[in-house]
Every structure is written in C-alpha cells, then in structure tokens.
Amino acid sequence: MSSLAEYFHTDWEAMTTNDWVGLVMTVVVFLLMVGLYFYALRPKNREKLESRRFIPMEEDKIDSGEKNGG
C-alpha cells in the first residue's frame, strides 16, 4: 500500500504557476460540468429544455432562405 501512496503523492511546494493554473481550471471545469449535468437532467427542467430542442434546425432554415408557407 505504501507504493500506491507514494505514487499519488504530490509535492505541493514544487508546483509551478502553470501547474496551479491547470489545477484550478480543471477543478472549476469539473464543477461547472457537474452543475450542468444536474441542471440538464433534472426532471423539473425537462419541459423548458424540450421546448428548445429544435432551435438549431430552425435557425438553419432561416439562414438558408427557406420559407415556411406558399
């Protein structure tokens, strides 16, 4: 077990500025993704998200010049 503890040991004092920036960015992105998953997968938000389901296709229709009627 000690080799496993040595493998995961981190020398915090030897970390450079780039290491700290990378660590902070990784933690922040992880937390944002967890929050986004909870928001998107919550049953309460289903109706709101489903109503916006086809927005990308509707915007493509408008940009390409297609018309909805005769």
C-alpha atoms as a PDB file:
ATOM      1  CA  MET A   1       0.000   0.000   0.000  1.00  0.00           C
ATOM      2  CA  SER A   2       2.885   2.380   0.598  1.00  0.00           C
ATOM      3  CA  SER A   3       3.897   2.243  -3.068  1.00  0.00           C
ATOM      4  CA  LEU A   4       0.376   3.320  -4.002  1.00  0.00           C
ATOM      5  CA  ALA A   5       0.562   6.230  -1.548  1.00  0.00           C
ATOM      6  CA  GLU A   6       3.960   7.195  -2.969  1.00  0.00           C
ATOM      7  CA  TYR A   7       2.559   7.028  -6.499  1.00  0.00           C
ATOM      8  CA  PHE A   8      -0.216   9.519  -5.678  1.00  0.00           C
ATOM      9  CA  HIS A   9       1.966  11.777  -3.509  1.00  0.00           C
ATOM     10  CA  THR A  10       2.081  15.411  -4.675  1.00  0.00           C
ATOM     11  CA  ASP A  11       4.863  17.821  -3.851  1.00  0.00           C
ATOM     12  CA  TRP A  12       2.737  20.955  -3.500  1.00  0.00           C
ATOM     13  CA  GLU A  13       5.740  23.213  -2.929  1.00  0.00           C
ATOM     14  CA  ALA A  14       7.339  22.193  -6.228  1.00  0.00           C
ATOM     15  CA  MET A  15       4.300  23.130  -8.300  1.00  0.00           C
ATOM     16  CA  THR A  16       4.848  25.994 -10.732  1.00  0.00           C
ATOM     17  CA  THR A  17       2.384  28.722 -11.659  1.00  0.00           C
ATOM     18  CA  ASN A  18       1.353  26.762 -14.739  1.00  0.00           C
ATOM     19  CA  ASP A  19       0.645  23.727 -12.560  1.00  0.00           C
ATOM     20  CA  TRP A  20      -1.585  25.784 -10.249  1.00  0.00           C
ATOM     21  CA  VAL A  21      -3.445  27.401 -13.160  1.00  0.00           C
ATOM     22  CA  GLY A  22      -4.053  23.976 -14.683  1.00  0.00           C
ATOM     23  CA  LEU A  23      -5.228  22.548 -11.371  1.00  0.00           C
ATOM     24  CA  VAL A  24      -7.636  25.421 -10.728  1.00  0.00           C
ATOM     25  CA  MET A  25      -9.008  25.326 -14.283  1.00  0.00           C
ATOM     26  CA  THR A  26      -9.532  21.565 -14.082  1.00  0.00           C
ATOM     27  CA  VAL A  27     -11.416  21.811 -10.787  1.00  0.00           C
ATOM     28  CA  VAL A  28     -13.556  24.740 -12.000  1.00  0.00           C
ATOM     29  CA  VAL A  29     -14.473  22.994 -15.275  1.00  0.00           C
ATOM     30  CA  PHE A  30     -15.284  19.799 -13.369  1.00  0.00           C
ATOM     31  CA  LEU A  31     -17.615  21.671 -11.009  1.00  0.00           C
ATOM     32  CA  LEU A  32     -19.291  23.514 -13.893  1.00  0.00           C
ATOM     33  CA  MET A  33     -19.872  20.218 -15.722  1.00  0.00           C
ATOM     34  CA  VAL A  34     -21.392  18.622 -12.616  1.00  0.00           C
ATOM     35  CA  GLY A  35     -23.691  21.631 -12.217  1.00  0.00           C
ATOM     36  CA  LEU A  36     -24.660  21.489 -15.888  1.00  0.00           C
ATOM     37  CA  TYR A  37     -25.457  17.777 -15.669  1.00  0.00           C
ATOM     38  CA  PHE A  38     -27.671  18.351 -12.627  1.00  0.00           C
ATOM     39  CA  TYR A  39     -29.444  21.212 -14.430  1.00  0.00           C
ATOM     40  CA  ALA A  40     -29.963  19.313 -17.691  1.00  0.00           C
ATOM     41  CA  LEU A  41     -31.015  16.014 -16.143  1.00  0.00           C
ATOM     42  CA  ARG A  42     -33.399  17.442 -13.566  1.00  0.00           C
ATOM     43  CA  PRO A  43     -36.986  16.394 -14.317  1.00  0.00           C
ATOM     44  CA  LYS A  44     -38.225  19.885 -13.371  1.00  0.00           C
ATOM     45  CA  ASN A  45     -36.340  21.420 -16.340  1.00  0.00           C
ATOM     46  CA  ARG A  46     -37.493  18.862 -18.908  1.00  0.00           C
ATOM     47  CA  GLU A  47     -40.336  20.939 -20.390  1.00  0.00           C
ATOM     48  CA  LYS A  48     -38.176  24.054 -20.748  1.00  0.00           C
ATOM     49  CA  LEU A  49     -35.338  22.179 -22.437  1.00  0.00           C
ATOM     50  CA  GLU A  50     -37.626  20.118 -24.681  1.00  0.00           C
ATOM     51  CA  SER A  51     -39.310  23.287 -25.965  1.00  0.00           C
ATOM     52  CA  ARG A  52     -35.919  24.499 -27.232  1.00  0.00           C
ATOM     53  CA  ARG A  53     -34.980  21.168 -28.772  1.00  0.00           C
ATOM     54  CA  PHE A  54     -35.155  22.188 -32.442  1.00  0.00           C
ATOM     55  CA  ILE A  55     -33.714  25.717 -32.218  1.00  0.00           C
ATOM     56  CA  PRO A  56     -30.535  24.878 -34.200  1.00  0.00           C
ATOM     57  CA  MET A  57     -32.575  23.418 -37.082  1.00  0.00           C
ATOM     58  CA  GLU A  58     -34.961  26.402 -37.098  1.00  0.00           C
ATOM     59  CA  GLU A  59     -32.039  28.838 -37.332  1.00  0.00           C
ATOM     60  CA  ASP A  60     -30.584  26.872 -40.269  1.00  0.00           C
ATOM     61  CA  LYS A  61     -33.939  27.139 -42.050  1.00  0.00           C
ATOM     62  CA  ILE A  62     -33.971  30.925 -41.660  1.00  0.00           C
ATOM     63  CA  ASP A  63     -30.328  31.325 -42.760  1.00  0.00           C
ATOM     64  CA  SER A  64     -30.738  29.180 -45.875  1.00  0.00           C
ATOM     65  CA  GLY A  65     -33.696  31.251 -47.103  1.00  0.00           C
ATOM     66  CA  GLU A  66     -36.311  28.500 -46.904  1.00  0.00           C
ATOM     67  CA  LYS A  67     -39.871  29.700 -46.470  1.00  0.00           C
ATOM     68  CA  ASN A  68     -42.495  28.083 -44.266  1.00  0.00           C
ATOM     69  CA  GLY A  69     -45.527  28.554 -46.457  1.00  0.00           C
ATOM     70  CA  GLY A  70     -46.579  29.160 -50.038  1.00  0.00           C
END
